[in-house]
Amino acid sequence: MRRQFGVGGVQPVGSSCMLQLDPHSLPVSFEARDGRADGGVRHIEINRERVTVRRAVGGIRMAINVRVSEFLGIACRETNDGRALVLVHSDPSLSVPLLVTADDLHLDMAWQMWGDLFALPQIEDETGDTREPAPRRRRRNIIKDRRPKFLVRRKAGRPAMEQSIHRGEREIIARH
């Protein structure tokens, strides 16, 4: 008996067929399992800039366009047929399978090619959990040495005129 997969499983639609997409022959379209979609199938189109997921839920057809830059990375996950490469999104239903194979050498080469093509990080993902990005680092002394905003808008004054010094004079203020 085959293992059951949840929403957006990494297994292709066929019962035992391996999924293999060529990163150099984009755009490509294929079908993948989707437990919430009508018929349990969703249609996926992958371009260099975006991924389109088409499915019908409750009789309502929808197409979801996602930019490639919005994906978290390319993850390697364990399956019962071997290992799979998945284009991981923070919403698990938008994660897209790219390759299912038992050959580790082929998987490593494909992992590198997909990562380079989409400029996404390679994620070693055994559990399938999504991770939150690291919090932004605190800026420390960058602003300290700058002028305040209201002073930046204001023009700086002229340097003071040199005061003339009168030596040997009796009075500084002239009287007429």
N, C-alpha and C. Protein backbone atom coordinates (compact mmCIF):
# COMPACT_ATOMS: atom_id res chain seq x y z
N MET A 1 0.84 -1.17 0.00
CA MET A 1 0.00 0.00 0.00
C MET A 1 0.89 1.24 0.00
N ARG A 2 0.51 2.24 -0.80
CA ARG A 2 1.31 3.45 -0.93
C ARG A 2 1.04 4.40 0.22
N ARG A 3 2.03 5.20 0.53
CA ARG A 3 1.91 6.18 1.60
C ARG A 3 0.97 7.30 1.18
N GLN A 4 0.17 7.77 2.10
CA GLN A 4 -0.75 8.86 1.82
C GLN A 4 -0.03 10.18 2.02
N PHE A 5 -0.27 11.13 1.12
CA PHE A 5 0.35 12.44 1.22
C PHE A 5 -0.74 13.47 1.44
N GLY A 6 -0.41 14.50 2.19
CA GLY A 6 -1.36 15.57 2.47
C GLY A 6 -1.46 16.54 1.31
N VAL A 7 -1.85 17.75 1.63
CA VAL A 7 -2.05 18.79 0.63
C VAL A 7 -0.73 19.08 -0.07
N GLY A 8 -0.75 19.10 -1.40
CA GLY A 8 0.43 19.44 -2.18
C GLY A 8 1.55 18.44 -2.04
N GLY A 9 1.24 17.16 -2.07
CA GLY A 9 2.26 16.13 -1.92
C GLY A 9 3.30 16.21 -3.01
N VAL A 10 4.46 15.64 -2.73
CA VAL A 10 5.55 15.71 -3.69
C VAL A 10 5.46 14.62 -4.74
N GLN A 11 4.56 13.67 -4.58
CA GLN A 11 4.45 12.60 -5.56
C GLN A 11 3.71 13.10 -6.80
N PRO A 12 4.12 12.65 -7.98
CA PRO A 12 3.38 13.00 -9.19
C PRO A 12 2.05 12.26 -9.23
N VAL A 13 1.23 12.61 -10.20
CA VAL A 13 -0.11 12.06 -10.29
C VAL A 13 -0.10 10.56 -10.50
N GLY A 14 0.79 10.05 -11.34
CA GLY A 14 0.84 8.61 -11.61
C GLY A 14 1.17 7.83 -10.36
N SER A 15 0.73 6.58 -10.30
CA SER A 15 0.88 5.81 -9.07
C SER A 15 2.33 5.50 -8.73
N SER A 16 3.14 5.18 -9.72
CA SER A 16 4.53 4.83 -9.40
C SER A 16 5.53 5.48 -10.35
N CYS A 17 5.10 6.45 -11.12
CA CYS A 17 6.04 7.05 -12.07
C CYS A 17 6.91 8.09 -11.36
N MET A 18 8.13 8.21 -11.83
CA MET A 18 9.06 9.19 -11.29
C MET A 18 8.84 10.51 -12.01
N LEU A 19 8.95 11.60 -11.28
CA LEU A 19 8.81 12.93 -11.85
C LEU A 19 10.20 13.47 -12.13
N GLN A 20 10.40 13.97 -13.35
CA GLN A 20 11.69 14.55 -13.70
C GLN A 20 11.45 15.71 -14.65
N LEU A 21 11.74 16.92 -14.19
CA LEU A 21 11.61 18.12 -15.00
C LEU A 21 13.00 18.62 -15.35
N ASP A 22 13.16 19.09 -16.59
CA ASP A 22 14.44 19.60 -17.04
C ASP A 22 14.46 21.12 -16.83
N PRO A 23 15.39 21.65 -16.03
CA PRO A 23 15.41 23.09 -15.79
C PRO A 23 15.79 23.91 -17.01
N HIS A 24 16.38 23.27 -18.02
CA HIS A 24 16.80 24.00 -19.22
C HIS A 24 15.72 24.02 -20.30
N SER A 25 14.58 23.37 -20.07
CA SER A 25 13.52 23.35 -21.08
C SER A 25 12.27 24.05 -20.56
N LEU A 26 12.45 25.18 -19.89
CA LEU A 26 11.31 25.95 -19.40
C LEU A 26 10.72 26.77 -20.53
N PRO A 27 9.46 27.06 -20.55
CA PRO A 27 8.41 26.72 -19.59
C PRO A 27 7.97 25.27 -19.72
N VAL A 28 7.54 24.71 -18.59
CA VAL A 28 7.09 23.33 -18.54
C VAL A 28 5.78 23.29 -17.76
N SER A 29 4.88 22.39 -18.16
CA SER A 29 3.63 22.21 -17.42
C SER A 29 3.43 20.73 -17.15
N PHE A 30 2.86 20.43 -15.97
CA PHE A 30 2.63 19.04 -15.57
C PHE A 30 1.52 19.01 -14.53
N GLU A 31 1.16 17.82 -14.09
CA GLU A 31 0.13 17.64 -13.08
C GLU A 31 0.75 17.05 -11.82
N ALA A 32 0.22 17.46 -10.66
CA ALA A 32 0.68 16.93 -9.37
C ALA A 32 -0.53 16.71 -8.48
N ARG A 33 -0.34 15.92 -7.44
CA ARG A 33 -1.42 15.62 -6.51
C ARG A 33 -1.77 16.84 -5.67
N ASP A 34 -3.06 16.98 -5.39
CA ASP A 34 -3.55 18.03 -4.51
C ASP A 34 -4.80 17.49 -3.83
N GLY A 35 -4.73 17.22 -2.55
CA GLY A 35 -5.83 16.60 -1.82
C GLY A 35 -7.08 17.45 -1.74
N ARG A 36 -6.93 18.78 -1.79
CA ARG A 36 -8.10 19.65 -1.69
C ARG A 36 -8.74 19.97 -3.03
N ALA A 37 -8.04 19.72 -4.12
CA ALA A 37 -8.58 20.05 -5.45
C ALA A 37 -9.58 18.99 -5.89
N ASP A 38 -10.50 19.40 -6.77
CA ASP A 38 -11.45 18.45 -7.35
C ASP A 38 -10.68 17.45 -8.19
N GLY A 39 -10.93 16.18 -7.98
CA GLY A 39 -10.21 15.14 -8.69
C GLY A 39 -8.84 14.86 -8.11
N GLY A 40 -8.41 15.62 -7.11
CA GLY A 40 -7.12 15.39 -6.47
C GLY A 40 -5.93 15.77 -7.31
N VAL A 41 -6.14 16.60 -8.36
CA VAL A 41 -5.06 16.94 -9.29
C VAL A 41 -5.01 18.45 -9.47
N ARG A 42 -3.80 18.99 -9.53
CA ARG A 42 -3.61 20.39 -9.89
C ARG A 42 -2.64 20.47 -11.06
N HIS A 43 -2.81 21.46 -11.90
CA HIS A 43 -1.96 21.67 -13.07
C HIS A 43 -0.98 22.79 -12.74
N ILE A 44 0.29 22.53 -13.00
CA ILE A 44 1.34 23.47 -12.64
C ILE A 44 2.12 23.85 -13.88
N GLU A 45 2.36 25.17 -14.06
CA GLU A 45 3.20 25.69 -15.13
C GLU A 45 4.36 26.43 -14.49
N ILE A 46 5.58 26.10 -14.91
CA ILE A 46 6.77 26.74 -14.35
C ILE A 46 7.47 27.52 -15.45
N ASN A 47 7.67 28.82 -15.22
CA ASN A 47 8.47 29.68 -16.09
C ASN A 47 9.68 30.14 -15.30
N ARG A 48 10.56 30.90 -15.94
CA ARG A 48 11.73 31.41 -15.22
C ARG A 48 11.35 32.48 -14.19
N GLU A 49 10.28 33.23 -14.42
CA GLU A 49 9.91 34.31 -13.52
C GLU A 49 8.77 33.96 -12.58
N ARG A 50 7.89 33.01 -12.96
CA ARG A 50 6.71 32.75 -12.14
C ARG A 50 6.29 31.29 -12.25
N VAL A 51 5.47 30.89 -11.27
CA VAL A 51 4.87 29.56 -11.24
C VAL A 51 3.36 29.76 -11.19
N THR A 52 2.63 29.07 -12.05
CA THR A 52 1.17 29.15 -12.08
C THR A 52 0.60 27.81 -11.65
N VAL A 53 -0.26 27.85 -10.63
CA VAL A 53 -0.93 26.65 -10.13
C VAL A 53 -2.40 26.78 -10.48
N ARG A 54 -2.91 25.85 -11.27
CA ARG A 54 -4.33 25.85 -11.67
C ARG A 54 -5.01 24.65 -11.03
N ARG A 55 -6.15 24.90 -10.38
CA ARG A 55 -6.92 23.82 -9.77
C ARG A 55 -8.35 24.28 -9.60
N ALA A 56 -9.22 23.31 -9.35
CA ALA A 56 -10.62 23.59 -9.09
C ALA A 56 -10.94 23.09 -7.69
N VAL A 57 -11.57 23.94 -6.88
CA VAL A 57 -11.97 23.57 -5.53
C VAL A 57 -13.46 23.87 -5.39
N GLY A 58 -14.25 22.84 -5.13
CA GLY A 58 -15.69 23.01 -4.99
C GLY A 58 -16.35 23.49 -6.27
N GLY A 59 -15.80 23.11 -7.40
CA GLY A 59 -16.36 23.50 -8.69
C GLY A 59 -15.89 24.87 -9.17
N ILE A 60 -15.13 25.58 -8.36
CA ILE A 60 -14.63 26.90 -8.74
C ILE A 60 -13.19 26.76 -9.22
N ARG A 61 -12.97 27.13 -10.48
CA ARG A 61 -11.62 27.04 -11.05
C ARG A 61 -10.82 28.28 -10.68
N MET A 62 -9.56 28.06 -10.36
CA MET A 62 -8.70 29.18 -9.99
C MET A 62 -7.30 28.97 -10.55
N ALA A 63 -6.64 30.09 -10.76
CA ALA A 63 -5.23 30.07 -11.18
C ALA A 63 -4.47 31.00 -10.25
N ILE A 64 -3.43 30.48 -9.65
CA ILE A 64 -2.63 31.25 -8.70
C ILE A 64 -1.26 31.48 -9.32
N ASN A 65 -0.90 32.74 -9.53
CA ASN A 65 0.42 33.11 -10.06
C ASN A 65 1.32 33.53 -8.91
N VAL A 66 2.47 32.90 -8.81
CA VAL A 66 3.43 33.19 -7.75
C VAL A 66 4.78 33.48 -8.38
N ARG A 67 5.39 34.63 -8.03
CA ARG A 67 6.73 34.93 -8.52
C ARG A 67 7.73 33.97 -7.90
N VAL A 68 8.75 33.62 -8.65
CA VAL A 68 9.76 32.68 -8.17
C VAL A 68 10.49 33.24 -6.95
N SER A 69 10.65 34.56 -6.89
CA SER A 69 11.35 35.17 -5.76
C SER A 69 10.58 35.03 -4.45
N GLU A 70 9.29 34.70 -4.50
CA GLU A 70 8.50 34.53 -3.29
C GLU A 70 8.65 33.14 -2.67
N PHE A 71 9.31 32.22 -3.36
CA PHE A 71 9.55 30.90 -2.81
C PHE A 71 10.73 30.95 -1.84
N LEU A 72 10.72 30.07 -0.84
CA LEU A 72 11.76 30.06 0.18
C LEU A 72 13.05 29.42 -0.31
N GLY A 73 12.95 28.43 -1.19
CA GLY A 73 14.14 27.75 -1.69
C GLY A 73 13.79 26.42 -2.30
N ILE A 74 14.83 25.66 -2.65
CA ILE A 74 14.68 24.32 -3.21
C ILE A 74 15.03 23.33 -2.09
N ALA A 75 14.05 22.51 -1.70
CA ALA A 75 14.25 21.57 -0.59
C ALA A 75 14.38 20.15 -1.11
N CYS A 76 15.14 19.36 -0.38
CA CYS A 76 15.29 17.94 -0.65
C CYS A 76 14.54 17.19 0.44
N ARG A 77 13.54 16.39 0.06
CA ARG A 77 12.71 15.66 1.02
C ARG A 77 12.74 14.17 0.73
N GLU A 78 12.58 13.39 1.77
CA GLU A 78 12.51 11.94 1.65
C GLU A 78 11.09 11.53 1.26
N THR A 79 10.97 10.58 0.32
CA THR A 79 9.68 10.00 -0.05
C THR A 79 9.84 8.48 -0.02
N ASN A 80 8.73 7.78 -0.23
CA ASN A 80 8.84 6.32 -0.24
C ASN A 80 9.45 5.81 -1.55
N ASP A 81 9.51 6.62 -2.60
CA ASP A 81 10.15 6.24 -3.86
C ASP A 81 11.61 6.68 -3.94
N GLY A 82 12.10 7.35 -2.94
CA GLY A 82 13.47 7.86 -2.97
C GLY A 82 13.49 9.23 -2.32
N ARG A 83 14.05 10.19 -3.05
CA ARG A 83 14.10 11.56 -2.56
C ARG A 83 13.48 12.47 -3.60
N ALA A 84 13.02 13.64 -3.15
CA ALA A 84 12.33 14.57 -4.04
C ALA A 84 12.88 15.97 -3.85
N LEU A 85 12.95 16.72 -4.96
CA LEU A 85 13.25 18.15 -4.91
C LEU A 85 11.93 18.90 -4.99
N VAL A 86 11.75 19.85 -4.08
CA VAL A 86 10.49 20.59 -4.01
C VAL A 86 10.82 22.08 -3.97
N LEU A 87 10.09 22.86 -4.77
CA LEU A 87 10.16 24.31 -4.72
C LEU A 87 9.27 24.74 -3.57
N VAL A 88 9.86 25.15 -2.44
CA VAL A 88 9.13 25.34 -1.19
C VAL A 88 8.61 26.77 -1.07
N HIS A 89 7.32 26.88 -0.72
CA HIS A 89 6.66 28.16 -0.46
C HIS A 89 6.24 28.18 1.00
N SER A 90 6.05 29.37 1.57
CA SER A 90 5.61 29.45 2.96
C SER A 90 4.21 28.88 3.14
N ASP A 91 3.38 28.90 2.09
CA ASP A 91 2.09 28.22 2.09
C ASP A 91 2.32 26.82 1.51
N PRO A 92 2.18 25.77 2.31
CA PRO A 92 2.50 24.42 1.82
C PRO A 92 1.68 23.98 0.61
N SER A 93 0.49 24.54 0.42
CA SER A 93 -0.30 24.14 -0.74
C SER A 93 0.26 24.71 -2.04
N LEU A 94 1.19 25.66 -1.97
CA LEU A 94 1.80 26.23 -3.17
C LEU A 94 3.19 25.66 -3.44
N SER A 95 3.66 24.74 -2.61
CA SER A 95 4.94 24.08 -2.88
C SER A 95 4.81 23.18 -4.10
N VAL A 96 5.85 23.16 -4.93
CA VAL A 96 5.79 22.49 -6.23
C VAL A 96 6.88 21.43 -6.32
N PRO A 97 6.53 20.18 -6.68
CA PRO A 97 7.57 19.16 -6.88
C PRO A 97 8.32 19.39 -8.19
N LEU A 98 9.63 19.18 -8.16
CA LEU A 98 10.46 19.35 -9.36
C LEU A 98 11.06 18.03 -9.83
N LEU A 99 11.39 17.15 -8.89
CA LEU A 99 12.07 15.91 -9.25
C LEU A 99 11.82 14.88 -8.17
N VAL A 100 11.50 13.65 -8.58
CA VAL A 100 11.40 12.51 -7.66
C VAL A 100 12.28 11.42 -8.25
N THR A 101 13.32 11.02 -7.50
CA THR A 101 14.25 10.02 -8.00
C THR A 101 14.90 9.28 -6.83
N ALA A 102 15.48 8.14 -7.14
CA ALA A 102 16.22 7.38 -6.14
C ALA A 102 17.73 7.55 -6.32
N ASP A 103 18.16 8.16 -7.43
CA ASP A 103 19.57 8.35 -7.74
C ASP A 103 20.09 9.62 -7.05
N ASP A 104 20.98 9.45 -6.07
CA ASP A 104 21.48 10.59 -5.31
C ASP A 104 22.36 11.52 -6.14
N LEU A 105 23.15 10.98 -7.04
CA LEU A 105 24.02 11.80 -7.88
C LEU A 105 23.19 12.70 -8.80
N HIS A 106 22.16 12.11 -9.42
CA HIS A 106 21.28 12.88 -10.29
C HIS A 106 20.53 13.94 -9.49
N LEU A 107 20.12 13.60 -8.28
CA LEU A 107 19.40 14.54 -7.43
C LEU A 107 20.29 15.73 -7.06
N ASP A 108 21.54 15.49 -6.71
CA ASP A 108 22.45 16.57 -6.35
C ASP A 108 22.72 17.51 -7.52
N MET A 109 22.89 16.95 -8.72
CA MET A 109 23.12 17.79 -9.89
C MET A 109 21.88 18.63 -10.20
N ALA A 110 20.70 18.01 -10.14
CA ALA A 110 19.47 18.74 -10.41
C ALA A 110 19.22 19.80 -9.34
N TRP A 111 19.54 19.50 -8.10
CA TRP A 111 19.37 20.45 -7.01
C TRP A 111 20.19 21.71 -7.25
N GLN A 112 21.43 21.52 -7.70
CA GLN A 112 22.30 22.65 -8.01
C GLN A 112 21.77 23.45 -9.20
N MET A 113 21.31 22.76 -10.26
CA MET A 113 20.81 23.45 -11.45
C MET A 113 19.57 24.27 -11.14
N TRP A 114 18.60 23.69 -10.41
CA TRP A 114 17.37 24.42 -10.06
C TRP A 114 17.69 25.62 -9.16
N GLY A 115 18.60 25.43 -8.22
CA GLY A 115 18.98 26.54 -7.34
C GLY A 115 19.64 27.68 -8.10
N ASP A 116 20.52 27.35 -9.05
CA ASP A 116 21.17 28.37 -9.86
C ASP A 116 20.19 29.05 -10.80
N LEU A 117 19.27 28.29 -11.38
CA LEU A 117 18.31 28.84 -12.32
C LEU A 117 17.39 29.86 -11.67
N PHE A 118 16.87 29.54 -10.49
CA PHE A 118 15.92 30.42 -9.81
C PHE A 118 16.60 31.35 -8.81
N ALA A 119 17.91 31.21 -8.60
CA ALA A 119 18.65 32.00 -7.61
C ALA A 119 18.01 31.88 -6.23
N LEU A 120 17.71 30.63 -5.85
CA LEU A 120 17.12 30.34 -4.55
C LEU A 120 18.06 29.44 -3.76
N PRO A 121 18.00 29.51 -2.43
CA PRO A 121 18.89 28.67 -1.62
C PRO A 121 18.47 27.21 -1.64
N GLN A 122 19.43 26.33 -1.39
CA GLN A 122 19.17 24.90 -1.29
C GLN A 122 18.91 24.57 0.17
N ILE A 123 17.75 23.97 0.44
CA ILE A 123 17.33 23.69 1.81
C ILE A 123 17.35 22.19 2.03
N GLU A 124 18.05 21.75 3.06
CA GLU A 124 18.02 20.34 3.45
C GLU A 124 16.84 20.19 4.38
N ASP A 125 15.76 19.59 3.91
CA ASP A 125 14.49 19.58 4.63
C ASP A 125 14.04 18.14 4.83
N GLU A 126 14.27 17.60 6.00
CA GLU A 126 13.86 16.23 6.30
C GLU A 126 12.42 16.15 6.79
N THR A 127 11.97 17.18 7.50
CA THR A 127 10.65 17.11 8.13
C THR A 127 9.55 17.67 7.27
N GLY A 128 9.85 18.54 6.35
CA GLY A 128 8.82 19.16 5.54
C GLY A 128 8.25 20.42 6.19
N ASP A 129 8.76 20.79 7.37
CA ASP A 129 8.28 21.99 8.04
C ASP A 129 8.88 23.22 7.37
N THR A 130 8.11 24.29 7.33
CA THR A 130 8.64 25.54 6.82
C THR A 130 9.25 26.31 7.97
N ARG A 131 10.28 27.04 7.67
CA ARG A 131 10.97 27.82 8.70
C ARG A 131 10.77 29.29 8.43
N GLU A 132 10.73 30.05 9.51
CA GLU A 132 10.60 31.50 9.40
C GLU A 132 11.97 32.10 9.08
N PRO A 133 12.01 33.19 8.31
CA PRO A 133 13.30 33.82 8.06
C PRO A 133 13.86 34.42 9.35
N ALA A 134 15.17 34.55 9.39
CA ALA A 134 15.82 35.12 10.57
C ALA A 134 15.40 36.57 10.73
N PRO A 135 15.25 37.04 11.97
CA PRO A 135 14.86 38.44 12.16
C PRO A 135 15.96 39.37 11.69
N ARG A 136 15.55 40.56 11.30
CA ARG A 136 16.50 41.54 10.80
C ARG A 136 17.43 41.99 11.93
N ARG A 137 18.69 42.15 11.60
CA ARG A 137 19.66 42.55 12.61
C ARG A 137 19.43 43.99 13.04
N ARG A 138 19.72 44.25 14.29
CA ARG A 138 19.53 45.58 14.85
C ARG A 138 20.64 46.50 14.35
N ARG A 139 20.24 47.69 13.93
CA ARG A 139 21.21 48.67 13.48
C ARG A 139 21.71 49.42 14.71
N ARG A 140 23.01 49.46 14.90
CA ARG A 140 23.51 50.02 16.15
C ARG A 140 24.00 51.45 15.99
N ASN A 141 25.18 51.68 15.54
CA ASN A 141 25.76 53.03 15.55
C ASN A 141 25.70 53.71 14.20
N ILE A 142 24.90 53.20 13.30
CA ILE A 142 24.86 53.79 11.97
C ILE A 142 24.22 55.18 12.02
N ILE A 143 23.14 55.32 12.74
CA ILE A 143 22.40 56.57 12.76
C ILE A 143 22.98 57.55 13.77
N LYS A 144 23.73 57.07 14.72
CA LYS A 144 24.23 57.91 15.81
C LYS A 144 25.04 59.10 15.31
N ASP A 145 25.88 58.90 14.32
CA ASP A 145 26.77 59.96 13.85
C ASP A 145 26.16 60.83 12.76
N ARG A 146 24.94 60.58 12.38
CA ARG A 146 24.30 61.37 11.34
C ARG A 146 23.58 62.57 11.95
N ARG A 147 23.33 63.55 11.11
CA ARG A 147 22.57 64.72 11.56
C ARG A 147 21.10 64.36 11.63
N PRO A 148 20.35 64.95 12.54
CA PRO A 148 18.90 64.70 12.60
C PRO A 148 18.23 65.14 11.31
N LYS A 149 17.05 64.59 11.04
CA LYS A 149 16.37 64.82 9.78
C LYS A 149 16.04 66.29 9.56
N PHE A 150 15.59 66.99 10.61
CA PHE A 150 15.22 68.40 10.41
C PHE A 150 16.46 69.26 10.15
N LEU A 151 17.62 68.83 10.63
CA LEU A 151 18.84 69.58 10.35
C LEU A 151 19.38 69.26 8.96
N VAL A 152 19.05 68.08 8.44
CA VAL A 152 19.50 67.73 7.09
C VAL A 152 18.78 68.62 6.07
N ARG A 153 17.51 68.91 6.32
CA ARG A 153 16.74 69.75 5.39
C ARG A 153 17.20 71.20 5.45
N ARG A 154 17.68 71.63 6.60
CA ARG A 154 18.09 73.00 6.79
C ARG A 154 19.49 73.21 6.23
N LYS A 155 19.71 74.36 5.62
CA LYS A 155 21.04 74.65 5.10
C LYS A 155 21.94 75.09 6.25
N ALA A 156 23.14 74.65 6.19
CA ALA A 156 24.09 75.02 7.24
C ALA A 156 24.45 76.49 7.09
N GLY A 157 24.68 77.15 8.22
CA GLY A 157 25.01 78.58 8.20
C GLY A 157 26.41 78.84 7.70
N ARG A 158 26.67 80.13 7.39
CA ARG A 158 28.00 80.51 6.92
C ARG A 158 28.95 80.58 8.11
N PRO A 159 30.20 80.34 7.86
CA PRO A 159 31.14 80.51 8.97
C PRO A 159 31.19 81.98 9.39
N ALA A 160 31.42 82.19 10.63
CA ALA A 160 31.44 83.56 11.15
C ALA A 160 32.54 84.37 10.47
N MET A 161 32.21 85.66 10.21
CA MET A 161 33.20 86.55 9.59
C MET A 161 34.32 86.80 10.61
N GLU A 162 35.47 86.92 10.10
CA GLU A 162 36.57 87.19 11.02
C GLU A 162 36.38 88.57 11.64
N GLN A 163 36.46 88.59 12.95
CA GLN A 163 36.34 89.86 13.66
C GLN A 163 37.67 90.62 13.53
N SER A 164 37.56 91.87 13.19
CA SER A 164 38.81 92.65 13.10
C SER A 164 39.24 93.06 14.51
N ILE A 165 40.49 92.94 14.75
CA ILE A 165 41.04 93.26 16.06
C ILE A 165 41.78 94.59 15.94
N HIS A 166 41.42 95.51 16.78
CA HIS A 166 42.05 96.84 16.77
C HIS A 166 42.96 96.93 17.99
N ARG A 167 44.24 96.88 17.76
CA ARG A 167 45.20 96.97 18.86
C ARG A 167 45.68 98.43 18.99
N GLY A 168 45.79 98.81 20.18
CA GLY A 168 46.30 100.17 20.42
C GLY A 168 45.24 101.23 20.25
N GLU A 169 44.04 100.91 20.01
CA GLU A 169 42.96 101.88 19.88
C GLU A 169 42.38 102.13 21.25
N ARG A 170 41.78 103.31 21.40
CA ARG A 170 41.23 103.66 22.69
C ARG A 170 39.80 103.16 22.83
N GLU A 171 39.01 103.26 21.75
CA GLU A 171 37.63 102.83 21.83
C GLU A 171 37.32 101.90 20.67
N ILE A 172 36.47 100.93 20.93
CA ILE A 172 36.04 100.03 19.86
C ILE A 172 34.87 100.65 19.11
N ILE A 173 33.97 101.31 19.82
CA ILE A 173 32.80 101.90 19.19
C ILE A 173 33.15 103.33 18.80
N ALA A 174 32.92 103.65 17.57
CA ALA A 174 33.23 104.99 17.09
C ALA A 174 32.12 105.95 17.48
N ARG A 175 32.52 107.13 17.95
CA ARG A 175 31.53 108.16 18.28
C ARG A 175 31.75 109.33 17.35
N HIS A 176 30.69 109.88 16.92
CA HIS A 176 30.82 111.02 16.01
C HIS A 176 30.47 112.29 16.68
